[in-house]
Amino acid sequence: MDIWARIAEDRIEEAIKDGKFNSLAGEGKPLDLSDDEHIPPEMRLAFRIMKNAGVSPIEVSLRKEINDLKEELKKAQTQQQRAKLEKEIGWMCLRMSMMTERKS
């Protein structure tokens, strides 16, 4: 984690401890994710079609797979299992990194 992310995390944790996130508007209600304002106009139709088909972007799928593997790693019982999972996580993280570099 880089220094800026660590600073942000520390400030968020401090705000939580101080109760600054208590009693916010919409607290306890589900998020309205139907708003596609943050999606570039030329990509909205494609994203809507993917959503309606129950398909997620590859980055989302990769993140989920990485998180699932990390959970599996916590439960691994042998060094051989851990090594295999760590290698797989490493490859997936590299793939994710390459995908995000290509976009920027």
Protein backbone atom coordinates (compact mmCIF):
# COMPACT_ATOMS: atom_id res chain seq x y z
CA MET A 1 0.00 0.00 0.00
CA ASP A 2 1.46 3.37 -0.92
CA ILE A 3 1.82 6.24 1.56
CA TRP A 4 -1.23 8.15 0.30
CA ALA A 5 -3.50 5.13 0.59
CA ARG A 6 -2.18 4.49 4.11
CA ILE A 7 -2.83 8.13 5.11
CA ALA A 8 -6.36 7.91 3.68
CA GLU A 9 -7.02 4.65 5.54
CA ASP A 10 -5.76 6.17 8.81
CA ARG A 11 -8.00 9.19 8.42
CA ILE A 12 -11.03 7.06 7.62
CA GLU A 13 -10.40 4.88 10.67
CA GLU A 14 -10.02 7.99 12.84
CA ALA A 15 -13.30 9.43 11.50
CA ILE A 16 -15.07 6.14 12.22
CA LYS A 17 -13.75 6.15 15.80
CA ASP A 18 -14.88 9.76 16.24
CA GLY A 19 -18.37 8.86 14.99
CA LYS A 20 -18.24 11.21 12.02
CA PHE A 21 -19.99 8.64 9.84
CA ASN A 22 -22.88 8.12 12.25
CA SER A 23 -26.36 9.37 11.31
CA LEU A 24 -25.55 10.12 7.67
CA ALA A 25 -28.40 10.51 5.20
CA GLY A 26 -29.37 7.12 3.83
CA GLU A 27 -27.67 5.18 6.62
CA GLY A 28 -28.82 1.57 6.66
CA LYS A 29 -30.47 1.82 3.24
CA PRO A 30 -29.19 -0.01 0.15
CA LEU A 31 -27.15 1.98 -2.35
CA ASP A 32 -28.85 2.99 -5.58
CA LEU A 33 -26.47 1.55 -8.15
CA SER A 34 -28.74 2.26 -11.11
CA ASP A 35 -27.16 5.70 -11.56
CA ASP A 36 -24.67 5.45 -14.42
CA GLU A 37 -23.54 9.08 -14.25
CA HIS A 38 -19.96 8.03 -13.45
CA ILE A 39 -19.74 5.83 -16.57
CA PRO A 40 -18.54 7.54 -19.77
CA PRO A 41 -21.52 8.12 -22.13
CA GLU A 42 -20.03 5.96 -24.90
CA MET A 43 -19.80 2.97 -22.52
CA ARG A 44 -23.20 3.21 -20.80
CA LEU A 45 -25.10 1.03 -23.26
CA ALA A 46 -22.47 -1.73 -23.12
CA PHE A 47 -22.43 -1.65 -19.31
CA ARG A 48 -26.24 -1.75 -19.16
CA ILE A 49 -26.33 -4.76 -21.50
CA MET A 50 -23.68 -6.53 -19.39
CA LYS A 51 -25.58 -5.77 -16.19
CA ASN A 52 -28.87 -7.05 -17.61
CA ALA A 53 -27.13 -10.22 -18.79
CA GLY A 54 -25.63 -10.77 -15.34
CA VAL A 55 -22.08 -10.34 -16.64
CA SER A 56 -19.46 -8.24 -14.88
CA PRO A 57 -16.38 -6.50 -16.33
CA ILE A 58 -13.23 -8.65 -16.29
CA GLU A 59 -11.62 -6.44 -13.61
CA VAL A 60 -14.49 -7.12 -11.24
CA SER A 61 -14.32 -10.86 -11.90
CA LEU A 62 -10.55 -10.88 -11.39
CA ARG A 63 -10.81 -8.99 -8.10
CA LYS A 64 -13.42 -11.46 -6.88
CA GLU A 65 -11.23 -14.42 -7.88
CA ILE A 66 -8.22 -12.87 -6.12
CA ASN A 67 -10.24 -12.30 -2.95
CA ASP A 68 -11.58 -15.86 -3.08
CA LEU A 69 -8.05 -17.22 -3.45
CA LYS A 70 -6.85 -15.11 -0.52
CA GLU A 71 -9.62 -16.60 1.63
CA GLU A 72 -8.60 -20.07 0.46
CA LEU A 73 -4.98 -19.22 1.33
CA LYS A 74 -5.99 -18.43 4.91
CA LYS A 75 -7.46 -21.93 5.19
CA ALA A 76 -4.58 -23.76 3.46
CA GLN A 77 -3.16 -26.49 5.64
CA THR A 78 0.07 -27.44 3.90
CA GLN A 79 3.00 -25.42 2.65
CA GLN A 80 2.46 -26.94 -0.79
CA GLN A 81 -1.14 -25.64 -0.90
CA ARG A 82 -0.02 -22.21 0.29
CA ALA A 83 2.75 -22.01 -2.32
CA LYS A 84 0.35 -22.99 -5.12
CA LEU A 85 -2.25 -20.42 -4.04
CA GLU A 86 0.35 -17.66 -3.57
CA LYS A 87 1.66 -18.32 -7.08
CA GLU A 88 -1.86 -18.21 -8.53
CA ILE A 89 -2.65 -14.97 -6.65
CA GLY A 90 0.60 -13.47 -7.91
CA TRP A 91 -0.25 -14.26 -11.53
CA MET A 92 -3.76 -12.85 -11.17
CA CYS A 93 -2.44 -9.67 -9.54
CA LEU A 94 0.08 -9.29 -12.37
CA ARG A 95 -2.70 -9.73 -14.93
CA MET A 96 -4.83 -7.13 -13.12
CA SER A 97 -1.89 -4.73 -12.98
CA MET A 98 -1.24 -5.13 -16.70
CA MET A 99 -4.89 -4.47 -17.48
CA THR A 100 -4.98 -1.26 -15.45
CA GLU A 101 -1.68 -0.05 -16.96
CA ARG A 102 -3.05 -0.60 -20.45
CA LYS A 103 -6.08 1.60 -19.66
CA SER A 104 -4.06 4.55 -18.39
